[in-house]
Amino acid sequence: MDSVMSPETAIAFGRLGGLPVLDLEGLWTRYEDPAPLLAEIAALGPE
């Protein structure tokens, strides 16, 4: 899920001993730099 796993988070999670799975239909495979869009999603109002 995009809210859970980015490539960087996946690497950190793997180093702690878990198995990270990246969503290959998420923002990381649609945009070169999805960071601004992730920030926008977090700032959106519920409506």
All heavy atoms as atom14 arrays in JSON, in Angstrom:
{
  "sequence": "MDSVMSPETAIAFGRLGGLPVLDLEGLWTRYEDPAPLLAEIAALGPE",
  "atom14_mask": [
    [1, 1, 1, 1, 1, 1, 1, 1, 0, 0, 0, 0, 0, 0],
    [1, 1, 1, 1, 1, 1, 1, 1, 0, 0, 0, 0, 0, 0],
    [1, 1, 1, 1, 1, 1, 0, 0, 0, 0, 0, 0, 0, 0],
    [1, 1, 1, 1, 1, 1, 1, 0, 0, 0, 0, 0, 0, 0],
    [1, 1, 1, 1, 1, 1, 1, 1, 0, 0, 0, 0, 0, 0],
    [1, 1, 1, 1, 1, 1, 0, 0, 0, 0, 0, 0, 0, 0],
    [1, 1, 1, 1, 1, 1, 1, 0, 0, 0, 0, 0, 0, 0],
    [1, 1, 1, 1, 1, 1, 1, 1, 1, 0, 0, 0, 0, 0],
    [1, 1, 1, 1, 1, 1, 1, 0, 0, 0, 0, 0, 0, 0],
    [1, 1, 1, 1, 1, 0, 0, 0, 0, 0, 0, 0, 0, 0],
    [1, 1, 1, 1, 1, 1, 1, 1, 0, 0, 0, 0, 0, 0],
    [1, 1, 1, 1, 1, 0, 0, 0, 0, 0, 0, 0, 0, 0],
    [1, 1, 1, 1, 1, 1, 1, 1, 1, 1, 1, 0, 0, 0],
    [1, 1, 1, 1, 0, 0, 0, 0, 0, 0, 0, 0, 0, 0],
    [1, 1, 1, 1, 1, 1, 1, 1, 1, 1, 1, 0, 0, 0],
    [1, 1, 1, 1, 1, 1, 1, 1, 0, 0, 0, 0, 0, 0],
    [1, 1, 1, 1, 0, 0, 0, 0, 0, 0, 0, 0, 0, 0],
    [1, 1, 1, 1, 0, 0, 0, 0, 0, 0, 0, 0, 0, 0],
    [1, 1, 1, 1, 1, 1, 1, 1, 0, 0, 0, 0, 0, 0],
    [1, 1, 1, 1, 1, 1, 1, 0, 0, 0, 0, 0, 0, 0],
    [1, 1, 1, 1, 1, 1, 1, 0, 0, 0, 0, 0, 0, 0],
    [1, 1, 1, 1, 1, 1, 1, 1, 0, 0, 0, 0, 0, 0],
    [1, 1, 1, 1, 1, 1, 1, 1, 0, 0, 0, 0, 0, 0],
    [1, 1, 1, 1, 1, 1, 1, 1, 0, 0, 0, 0, 0, 0],
    [1, 1, 1, 1, 1, 1, 1, 1, 1, 0, 0, 0, 0, 0],
    [1, 1, 1, 1, 0, 0, 0, 0, 0, 0, 0, 0, 0, 0],
    [1, 1, 1, 1, 1, 1, 1, 1, 0, 0, 0, 0, 0, 0],
    [1, 1, 1, 1, 1, 1, 1, 1, 1, 1, 1, 1, 1, 1],
    [1, 1, 1, 1, 1, 1, 1, 0, 0, 0, 0, 0, 0, 0],
    [1, 1, 1, 1, 1, 1, 1, 1, 1, 1, 1, 0, 0, 0],
    [1, 1, 1, 1, 1, 1, 1, 1, 1, 1, 1, 1, 0, 0],
    [1, 1, 1, 1, 1, 1, 1, 1, 1, 0, 0, 0, 0, 0],
    [1, 1, 1, 1, 1, 1, 1, 1, 0, 0, 0, 0, 0, 0],
    [1, 1, 1, 1, 1, 1, 1, 0, 0, 0, 0, 0, 0, 0],
    [1, 1, 1, 1, 1, 0, 0, 0, 0, 0, 0, 0, 0, 0],
    [1, 1, 1, 1, 1, 1, 1, 0, 0, 0, 0, 0, 0, 0],
    [1, 1, 1, 1, 1, 1, 1, 1, 0, 0, 0, 0, 0, 0],
    [1, 1, 1, 1, 1, 1, 1, 1, 0, 0, 0, 0, 0, 0],
    [1, 1, 1, 1, 1, 0, 0, 0, 0, 0, 0, 0, 0, 0],
    [1, 1, 1, 1, 1, 1, 1, 1, 1, 0, 0, 0, 0, 0],
    [1, 1, 1, 1, 1, 1, 1, 1, 0, 0, 0, 0, 0, 0],
    [1, 1, 1, 1, 1, 0, 0, 0, 0, 0, 0, 0, 0, 0],
    [1, 1, 1, 1, 1, 0, 0, 0, 0, 0, 0, 0, 0, 0],
    [1, 1, 1, 1, 1, 1, 1, 1, 0, 0, 0, 0, 0, 0],
    [1, 1, 1, 1, 0, 0, 0, 0, 0, 0, 0, 0, 0, 0],
    [1, 1, 1, 1, 1, 1, 1, 0, 0, 0, 0, 0, 0, 0],
    [1, 1, 1, 1, 1, 1, 1, 1, 1, 0, 0, 0, 0, 0]
  ],
  "atom14_positions": [
    [[0.85, -1.18, 0.0], [0.0, 0.0, 0.0], [0.89, 1.23, 0.0], [1.93, 1.25, 0.68], [-0.92, 0.01, 1.24], [-1.91, -1.13, 1.31], [-2.84, -1.07, 2.86], [-4.15, -2.25, 2.52], [0.0, 0.0, 0.0], [0.0, 0.0, 0.0], [0.0, 0.0, 0.0], [0.0, 0.0, 0.0], [0.0, 0.0, 0.0], [0.0, 0.0, 0.0]],
    [[0.5, 2.27, -0.71], [1.33, 3.46, -0.81], [1.51, 4.17, 0.53], [2.51, 4.86, 0.74], [0.73, 4.44, -1.82], [1.06, 4.07, -3.25], [2.03, 3.31, -3.45], [0.36, 4.52, -4.16], [0.0, 0.0, 0.0], [0.0, 0.0, 0.0], [0.0, 0.0, 0.0], [0.0, 0.0, 0.0], [0.0, 0.0, 0.0], [0.0, 0.0, 0.0]],
    [[0.57, 4.01, 1.44], [0.69, 4.64, 2.76], [1.63, 3.88, 3.67], [2.01, 4.37, 4.74], [-0.69, 4.73, 3.42], [-1.28, 3.44, 3.52], [0.0, 0.0, 0.0], [0.0, 0.0, 0.0], [0.0, 0.0, 0.0], [0.0, 0.0, 0.0], [0.0, 0.0, 0.0], [0.0, 0.0, 0.0], [0.0, 0.0, 0.0], [0.0, 0.0, 0.0]],
    [[2.04, 2.68, 3.26], [2.84, 1.8, 4.11], [4.26, 1.6, 3.56], [5.25, 1.72, 4.28], [2.15, 0.42, 4.26], [2.99, -0.53, 5.11], [0.76, 0.59, 4.85], [0.0, 0.0, 0.0], [0.0, 0.0, 0.0], [0.0, 0.0, 0.0], [0.0, 0.0, 0.0], [0.0, 0.0, 0.0], [0.0, 0.0, 0.0], [0.0, 0.0, 0.0]],
    [[4.36, 1.29, 2.26], [5.64, 0.89, 1.67], [6.06, 1.81, 0.52], [5.37, 1.89, -0.49], [5.55, -0.54, 1.14], [5.58, -1.61, 2.21], [7.21, -1.77, 2.97], [6.75, -1.83, 4.7], [0.0, 0.0, 0.0], [0.0, 0.0, 0.0], [0.0, 0.0, 0.0], [0.0, 0.0, 0.0], [0.0, 0.0, 0.0], [0.0, 0.0, 0.0]],
    [[7.16, 2.5, 0.72], [7.91, 3.16, -0.36], [9.17, 2.34, -0.55], [9.48, 1.47, 0.28], [8.26, 4.59, 0.04], [9.17, 4.58, 1.13], [0.0, 0.0, 0.0], [0.0, 0.0, 0.0], [0.0, 0.0, 0.0], [0.0, 0.0, 0.0], [0.0, 0.0, 0.0], [0.0, 0.0, 0.0], [0.0, 0.0, 0.0], [0.0, 0.0, 0.0]],
    [[9.96, 2.57, -1.59], [11.22, 1.84, -1.7], [12.11, 2.02, -0.46], [12.72, 1.06, 0.02], [11.86, 2.44, -2.95], [10.69, 2.85, -3.79], [9.67, 3.36, -2.82], [0.0, 0.0, 0.0], [0.0, 0.0, 0.0], [0.0, 0.0, 0.0], [0.0, 0.0, 0.0], [0.0, 0.0, 0.0], [0.0, 0.0, 0.0], [0.0, 0.0, 0.0]],
    [[12.17, 3.24, 0.08], [12.99, 3.5, 1.26], [12.45, 2.77, 2.49], [13.21, 2.18, 3.27], [13.08, 5.0, 1.54], [13.84, 5.8, 0.5], [13.03, 6.08, -0.76], [11.79, 5.83, -0.76], [13.62, 6.53, -1.75], [0.0, 0.0, 0.0], [0.0, 0.0, 0.0], [0.0, 0.0, 0.0], [0.0, 0.0, 0.0], [0.0, 0.0, 0.0]],
    [[11.13, 2.82, 2.68], [10.53, 2.12, 3.82], [10.7, 0.61, 3.67], [10.93, -0.1, 4.65], [9.03, 2.45, 3.93], [8.85, 3.86, 3.84], [8.47, 1.96, 5.23], [0.0, 0.0, 0.0], [0.0, 0.0, 0.0], [0.0, 0.0, 0.0], [0.0, 0.0, 0.0], [0.0, 0.0, 0.0], [0.0, 0.0, 0.0], [0.0, 0.0, 0.0]],
    [[10.6, 0.11, 2.44], [10.79, -1.32, 2.19], [12.19, -1.76, 2.59], [12.37, -2.82, 3.2], [10.53, -1.62, 0.71], [0.0, 0.0, 0.0], [0.0, 0.0, 0.0], [0.0, 0.0, 0.0], [0.0, 0.0, 0.0], [0.0, 0.0, 0.0], [0.0, 0.0, 0.0], [0.0, 0.0, 0.0], [0.0, 0.0, 0.0], [0.0, 0.0, 0.0]],
    [[13.18, -0.95, 2.27], [14.56, -1.28, 2.63], [14.73, -1.3, 4.15], [15.3, -2.24, 4.72], [15.53, -0.28, 1.97], [15.53, -0.48, 0.44], [16.94, -0.43, 2.54], [16.21, 0.62, -0.32], [0.0, 0.0, 0.0], [0.0, 0.0, 0.0], [0.0, 0.0, 0.0], [0.0, 0.0, 0.0], [0.0, 0.0, 0.0], [0.0, 0.0, 0.0]],
    [[14.19, -0.29, 4.83], [14.29, -0.23, 6.29], [13.56, -1.4, 6.94], [14.06, -2.02, 7.89], [13.72, 1.09, 6.79], [0.0, 0.0, 0.0], [0.0, 0.0, 0.0], [0.0, 0.0, 0.0], [0.0, 0.0, 0.0], [0.0, 0.0, 0.0], [0.0, 0.0, 0.0], [0.0, 0.0, 0.0], [0.0, 0.0, 0.0], [0.0, 0.0, 0.0]],
    [[12.4, -1.75, 6.42], [11.61, -2.85, 6.95], [12.33, -4.18, 6.74], [12.36, -5.04, 7.62], [10.24, -2.86, 6.26], [9.3, -3.91, 6.74], [8.72, -3.83, 7.99], [8.97, -5.0, 5.94], [7.84, -4.8, 8.43], [8.09, -5.97, 6.37], [7.52, -5.87, 7.62], [0.0, 0.0, 0.0], [0.0, 0.0, 0.0], [0.0, 0.0, 0.0]],
    [[12.92, -4.36, 5.55], [13.67, -5.58, 5.27], [14.87, -5.74, 6.19], [15.19, -6.84, 6.64], [0.0, 0.0, 0.0], [0.0, 0.0, 0.0], [0.0, 0.0, 0.0], [0.0, 0.0, 0.0], [0.0, 0.0, 0.0], [0.0, 0.0, 0.0], [0.0, 0.0, 0.0], [0.0, 0.0, 0.0], [0.0, 0.0, 0.0], [0.0, 0.0, 0.0]],
    [[15.54, -4.64, 6.5], [16.7, -4.71, 7.4], [16.31, -5.07, 8.83], [17.13, -5.6, 9.58], [17.45, -3.38, 7.36], [18.24, -3.18, 6.05], [18.86, -1.82, 5.94], [19.67, -1.72, 4.72], [20.06, -0.59, 4.16], [19.7, 0.58, 4.72], [20.79, -0.59, 3.06], [0.0, 0.0, 0.0], [0.0, 0.0, 0.0], [0.0, 0.0, 0.0]],
    [[15.05, -4.81, 9.19], [14.58, -5.18, 10.52], [14.16, -6.65, 10.59], [13.89, -7.16, 11.68], [13.4, -4.29, 10.92], [13.75, -2.83, 11.23], [12.47, -2.0, 11.4], [14.61, -2.72, 12.48], [0.0, 0.0, 0.0], [0.0, 0.0, 0.0], [0.0, 0.0, 0.0], [0.0, 0.0, 0.0], [0.0, 0.0, 0.0], [0.0, 0.0, 0.0]],
    [[14.09, -7.31, 9.42], [13.8, -8.74, 9.41], [12.48, -9.15, 8.8], [12.15, -10.34, 8.8], [0.0, 0.0, 0.0], [0.0, 0.0, 0.0], [0.0, 0.0, 0.0], [0.0, 0.0, 0.0], [0.0, 0.0, 0.0], [0.0, 0.0, 0.0], [0.0, 0.0, 0.0], [0.0, 0.0, 0.0], [0.0, 0.0, 0.0], [0.0, 0.0, 0.0]],
    [[11.71, -8.2, 8.25], [10.44, -8.53, 7.64], [10.54, -8.64, 6.13], [11.61, -8.43, 5.54], [0.0, 0.0, 0.0], [0.0, 0.0, 0.0], [0.0, 0.0, 0.0], [0.0, 0.0, 0.0], [0.0, 0.0, 0.0], [0.0, 0.0, 0.0], [0.0, 0.0, 0.0], [0.0, 0.0, 0.0], [0.0, 0.0, 0.0], [0.0, 0.0, 0.0]],
    [[9.42, -8.99, 5.5], [9.35, -9.08, 4.05], [8.53, -7.91, 3.53], [7.3, -7.87, 3.7], [8.69, -10.4, 3.62], [8.28, -10.52, 2.14], [9.5, -10.38, 1.22], [7.55, -11.83, 1.88], [0.0, 0.0, 0.0], [0.0, 0.0, 0.0], [0.0, 0.0, 0.0], [0.0, 0.0, 0.0], [0.0, 0.0, 0.0], [0.0, 0.0, 0.0]],
    [[9.16, -6.92, 2.89], [8.4, -5.8, 2.34], [7.86, -6.14, 0.96], [8.51, -6.81, 0.17], [9.46, -4.69, 2.26], [10.75, -5.42, 2.03], [10.62, -6.76, 2.72], [0.0, 0.0, 0.0], [0.0, 0.0, 0.0], [0.0, 0.0, 0.0], [0.0, 0.0, 0.0], [0.0, 0.0, 0.0], [0.0, 0.0, 0.0], [0.0, 0.0, 0.0]],
    [[6.65, -5.66, 0.66], [6.05, -5.86, -0.66], [5.64, -4.49, -1.19], [4.88, -3.77, -0.54], [4.82, -6.79, -0.6], [4.26, -7.01, -2.0], [5.18, -8.12, 0.05], [0.0, 0.0, 0.0], [0.0, 0.0, 0.0], [0.0, 0.0, 0.0], [0.0, 0.0, 0.0], [0.0, 0.0, 0.0], [0.0, 0.0, 0.0], [0.0, 0.0, 0.0]],
    [[6.15, -4.15, -2.35], [5.84, -2.85, -2.96], [4.63, -2.98, -3.88], [4.52, -3.93, -4.65], [7.05, -2.36, -3.76], [7.02, -0.88, -4.2], [7.09, 0.04, -2.99], [8.16, -0.59, -5.16], [0.0, 0.0, 0.0], [0.0, 0.0, 0.0], [0.0, 0.0, 0.0], [0.0, 0.0, 0.0], [0.0, 0.0, 0.0], [0.0, 0.0, 0.0]],
    [[3.71, -2.01, -3.78], [2.55, -1.97, -4.67], [3.01, -1.49, -6.04], [3.37, -0.32, -6.22], [1.5, -1.01, -4.1], [0.25, -0.94, -4.97], [0.15, -1.74, -5.93], [-0.61, -0.09, -4.7], [0.0, 0.0, 0.0], [0.0, 0.0, 0.0], [0.0, 0.0, 0.0], [0.0, 0.0, 0.0], [0.0, 0.0, 0.0], [0.0, 0.0, 0.0]],
    [[3.0, -2.38, -7.02], [3.49, -2.04, -8.36], [2.42, -1.36, -9.21], [2.64, -1.11, -10.39], [4.0, -3.31, -9.05], [5.13, -4.02, -8.3], [5.6, -5.24, -9.05], [6.31, -3.07, -8.04], [0.0, 0.0, 0.0], [0.0, 0.0, 0.0], [0.0, 0.0, 0.0], [0.0, 0.0, 0.0], [0.0, 0.0, 0.0], [0.0, 0.0, 0.0]],
    [[1.28, -1.06, -8.59], [0.26, -0.26, -9.24], [0.05, 1.06, -8.5], [-0.93, 1.77, -8.73], [-1.06, -1.03, -9.32], [-0.97, -2.32, -10.12], [-2.25, -3.13, -10.07], [-3.34, -2.52, -10.11], [-2.17, -4.36, -9.97], [0.0, 0.0, 0.0], [0.0, 0.0, 0.0], [0.0, 0.0, 0.0], [0.0, 0.0, 0.0], [0.0, 0.0, 0.0]],
    [[0.98, 1.37, -7.6], [0.85, 2.57, -6.78], [1.57, 3.77, -7.38], [2.01, 3.76, -8.53], [0.0, 0.0, 0.0], [0.0, 0.0, 0.0], [0.0, 0.0, 0.0], [0.0, 0.0, 0.0], [0.0, 0.0, 0.0], [0.0, 0.0, 0.0], [0.0, 0.0, 0.0], [0.0, 0.0, 0.0], [0.0, 0.0, 0.0], [0.0, 0.0, 0.0]],
    [[1.7, 4.8, -6.57], [2.29, 6.05, -7.03], [3.74, 5.9, -7.44], [4.23, 6.62, -8.32], [2.17, 7.11, -5.93], [0.75, 7.52, -5.53], [0.8, 8.56, -4.42], [-0.02, 8.05, -6.71], [0.0, 0.0, 0.0], [0.0, 0.0, 0.0], [0.0, 0.0, 0.0], [0.0, 0.0, 0.0], [0.0, 0.0, 0.0], [0.0, 0.0, 0.0]],
    [[4.44, 4.95, -6.84], [5.88, 4.79, -7.12], [6.14, 4.26, -8.51], [7.25, 4.37, -9.02], [6.52, 3.89, -6.06], [6.43, 4.53, -4.71], [5.49, 4.29, -3.75], [7.28, 5.55, -4.19], [5.7, 5.11, -2.67], [6.79, 5.89, -2.91], [8.41, 6.22, -4.68], [7.39, 6.86, -2.1], [9.01, 7.18, -3.89], [8.5, 7.5, -2.62]],
    [[5.12, 3.66, -9.14], [5.3, 3.18, -10.51], [4.5, 4.03, -11.52], [4.48, 3.72, -12.7], [4.86, 1.71, -10.64], [3.48, 1.59, -10.28], [5.7, 0.82, -9.73], [0.0, 0.0, 0.0], [0.0, 0.0, 0.0], [0.0, 0.0, 0.0], [0.0, 0.0, 0.0], [0.0, 0.0, 0.0], [0.0, 0.0, 0.0], [0.0, 0.0, 0.0]],
    [[3.89, 5.1, -11.04], [3.16, 6.01, -11.92], [3.87, 7.36, -12.07], [3.7, 8.03, -13.08], [1.74, 6.24, -11.37], [0.88, 4.98, -11.32], [-0.47, 5.28, -10.66], [-1.21, 4.06, -10.35], [-2.18, 3.54, -11.1], [-2.53, 4.14, -12.22], [-2.79, 2.44, -10.74], [0.0, 0.0, 0.0], [0.0, 0.0, 0.0], [0.0, 0.0, 0.0]],
    [[4.65, 7.74, -11.04], [5.29, 9.04, -11.03], [6.78, 8.9, -10.68], [7.15, 8.09, -9.82], [4.63, 9.97, -10.01], [3.19, 10.28, -10.31], [2.16, 9.51, -9.76], [2.84, 11.36, -11.13], [0.82, 9.8, -10.03], [1.5, 11.66, -11.4], [0.5, 10.87, -10.85], [-0.81, 11.15, -11.11], [0.0, 0.0, 0.0], [0.0, 0.0, 0.0]],
    [[7.6, 9.69, -11.33], [9.04, 9.69, -11.03], [9.3, 10.13, -9.6], [10.12, 9.55, -8.9], [9.75, 10.64, -12.01], [11.27, 10.54, -11.97], [11.79, 9.24, -12.56], [11.28, 8.81, -13.62], [12.7, 8.65, -11.94], [0.0, 0.0, 0.0], [0.0, 0.0, 0.0], [0.0, 0.0, 0.0], [0.0, 0.0, 0.0], [0.0, 0.0, 0.0]],
    [[8.59, 11.16, -9.14], [8.73, 11.64, -7.76], [7.34, 11.83, -7.16], [6.7, 12.88, -7.33], [9.49, 12.97, -7.73], [9.64, 13.49, -6.3], [9.42, 12.71, -5.35], [9.97, 14.7, -6.14], [0.0, 0.0, 0.0], [0.0, 0.0, 0.0], [0.0, 0.0, 0.0], [0.0, 0.0, 0.0], [0.0, 0.0, 0.0], [0.0, 0.0, 0.0]],
    [[6.82, 10.82, -6.46], [5.47, 10.92, -5.91], [5.39, 11.65, -4.57], [4.29, 11.81, -4.04], [5.06, 9.46, -5.75], [6.34, 8.74, -5.53], [7.4, 9.49, -6.27], [0.0, 0.0, 0.0], [0.0, 0.0, 0.0], [0.0, 0.0, 0.0], [0.0, 0.0, 0.0], [0.0, 0.0, 0.0], [0.0, 0.0, 0.0], [0.0, 0.0, 0.0]],
    [[6.53, 12.1, -4.03], [6.52, 12.73, -2.71], [5.53, 13.91, -2.61], [4.78, 13.99, -1.63], [7.93, 13.17, -2.33], [0.0, 0.0, 0.0], [0.0, 0.0, 0.0], [0.0, 0.0, 0.0], [0.0, 0.0, 0.0], [0.0, 0.0, 0.0], [0.0, 0.0, 0.0], [0.0, 0.0, 0.0], [0.0, 0.0, 0.0], [0.0, 0.0, 0.0]],
    [[5.49, 14.83, -3.58], [4.51, 15.93, -3.48], [3.06, 15.44, -3.47], [2.2, 16.02, -2.8], [4.8, 16.78, -4.73], [6.2, 16.45, -5.11], [6.37, 15.0, -4.75], [0.0, 0.0, 0.0], [0.0, 0.0, 0.0], [0.0, 0.0, 0.0], [0.0, 0.0, 0.0], [0.0, 0.0, 0.0], [0.0, 0.0, 0.0], [0.0, 0.0, 0.0]],
    [[2.79, 14.36, -4.2], [1.44, 13.84, -4.25], [1.06, 13.15, -2.93], [-0.08, 13.24, -2.48], [1.29, 12.87, -5.42], [1.44, 13.52, -6.79], [1.58, 12.46, -7.88], [0.25, 14.42, -7.09], [0.0, 0.0, 0.0], [0.0, 0.0, 0.0], [0.0, 0.0, 0.0], [0.0, 0.0, 0.0], [0.0, 0.0, 0.0], [0.0, 0.0, 0.0]],
    [[2.02, 12.47, -2.32], [1.76, 11.87, -1.02], [1.47, 12.95, 0.02], [0.59, 12.78, 0.87], [2.96, 11.02, -0.59], [3.16, 9.71, -1.37], [4.56, 9.17, -1.15], [2.12, 8.68, -0.95], [0.0, 0.0, 0.0], [0.0, 0.0, 0.0], [0.0, 0.0, 0.0], [0.0, 0.0, 0.0], [0.0, 0.0, 0.0], [0.0, 0.0, 0.0]],
    [[2.21, 14.05, -0.05], [1.95, 15.17, 0.87], [0.57, 15.77, 0.61], [-0.15, 16.14, 1.56], [3.04, 16.23, 0.68], [0.0, 0.0, 0.0], [0.0, 0.0, 0.0], [0.0, 0.0, 0.0], [0.0, 0.0, 0.0], [0.0, 0.0, 0.0], [0.0, 0.0, 0.0], [0.0, 0.0, 0.0], [0.0, 0.0, 0.0], [0.0, 0.0, 0.0]],
    [[0.18, 15.85, -0.65], [-1.14, 16.39, -0.99], [-2.25, 15.5, -0.46], [-3.25, 15.99, 0.09], [-1.27, 16.56, -2.5], [-2.62, 17.13, -2.93], [-2.82, 17.19, -4.44], [-1.84, 16.96, -5.18], [-3.95, 17.44, -4.86], [0.0, 0.0, 0.0], [0.0, 0.0, 0.0], [0.0, 0.0, 0.0], [0.0, 0.0, 0.0], [0.0, 0.0, 0.0]],
    [[-2.1, 14.19, -0.63], [-3.12, 13.25, -0.15], [-3.29, 13.38, 1.36], [-4.41, 13.37, 1.89], [-2.75, 11.81, -0.55], [-2.9, 11.63, -2.07], [-3.64, 10.8, 0.18], [-2.39, 10.3, -2.58], [0.0, 0.0, 0.0], [0.0, 0.0, 0.0], [0.0, 0.0, 0.0], [0.0, 0.0, 0.0], [0.0, 0.0, 0.0], [0.0, 0.0, 0.0]],
    [[-2.17, 13.53, 2.08], [-2.24, 13.67, 3.53], [-2.93, 14.96, 3.96], [-3.49, 15.04, 5.05], [-0.83, 13.6, 4.13], [0.0, 0.0, 0.0], [0.0, 0.0, 0.0], [0.0, 0.0, 0.0], [0.0, 0.0, 0.0], [0.0, 0.0, 0.0], [0.0, 0.0, 0.0], [0.0, 0.0, 0.0], [0.0, 0.0, 0.0], [0.0, 0.0, 0.0]],
    [[-2.9, 15.98, 3.09], [-3.47, 17.28, 3.43], [-4.91, 17.44, 2.96], [-5.56, 18.45, 3.28], [-2.61, 18.4, 2.84], [0.0, 0.0, 0.0], [0.0, 0.0, 0.0], [0.0, 0.0, 0.0], [0.0, 0.0, 0.0], [0.0, 0.0, 0.0], [0.0, 0.0, 0.0], [0.0, 0.0, 0.0], [0.0, 0.0, 0.0], [0.0, 0.0, 0.0]],
    [[-5.44, 16.48, 2.22], [-6.8, 16.61, 1.67], [-7.86, 16.58, 2.76], [-7.74, 15.87, 3.75], [-7.08, 15.47, 0.67], [-6.33, 15.51, -0.66], [-6.53, 14.2, -1.42], [-6.78, 16.7, -1.52], [0.0, 0.0, 0.0], [0.0, 0.0, 0.0], [0.0, 0.0, 0.0], [0.0, 0.0, 0.0], [0.0, 0.0, 0.0], [0.0, 0.0, 0.0]],
    [[-8.92, 17.33, 2.55], [-10.06, 17.25, 3.44], [-10.87, 16.01, 3.16], [-10.84, 15.48, 2.05], [0.0, 0.0, 0.0], [0.0, 0.0, 0.0], [0.0, 0.0, 0.0], [0.0, 0.0, 0.0], [0.0, 0.0, 0.0], [0.0, 0.0, 0.0], [0.0, 0.0, 0.0], [0.0, 0.0, 0.0], [0.0, 0.0, 0.0], [0.0, 0.0, 0.0]],
    [[-11.63, 15.52, 4.14], [-12.39, 14.27, 3.96], [-13.36, 14.33, 2.78], [-13.58, 13.32, 2.11], [-13.15, 14.13, 5.29], [-12.39, 14.95, 6.26], [-11.79, 16.09, 5.48], [0.0, 0.0, 0.0], [0.0, 0.0, 0.0], [0.0, 0.0, 0.0], [0.0, 0.0, 0.0], [0.0, 0.0, 0.0], [0.0, 0.0, 0.0], [0.0, 0.0, 0.0]],
    [[-13.93, 15.52, 2.52], [-14.93, 15.63, 1.47], [-14.36, 15.49, 0.06], [-15.07, 15.13, -0.89], [-15.69, 16.96, 1.59], [-14.87, 18.22, 1.27], [-13.85, 18.56, 2.34], [-13.96, 18.04, 3.46], [-12.94, 19.36, 2.04], [0.0, 0.0, 0.0], [0.0, 0.0, 0.0], [0.0, 0.0, 0.0], [0.0, 0.0, 0.0], [0.0, 0.0, 0.0]]
  ]
}
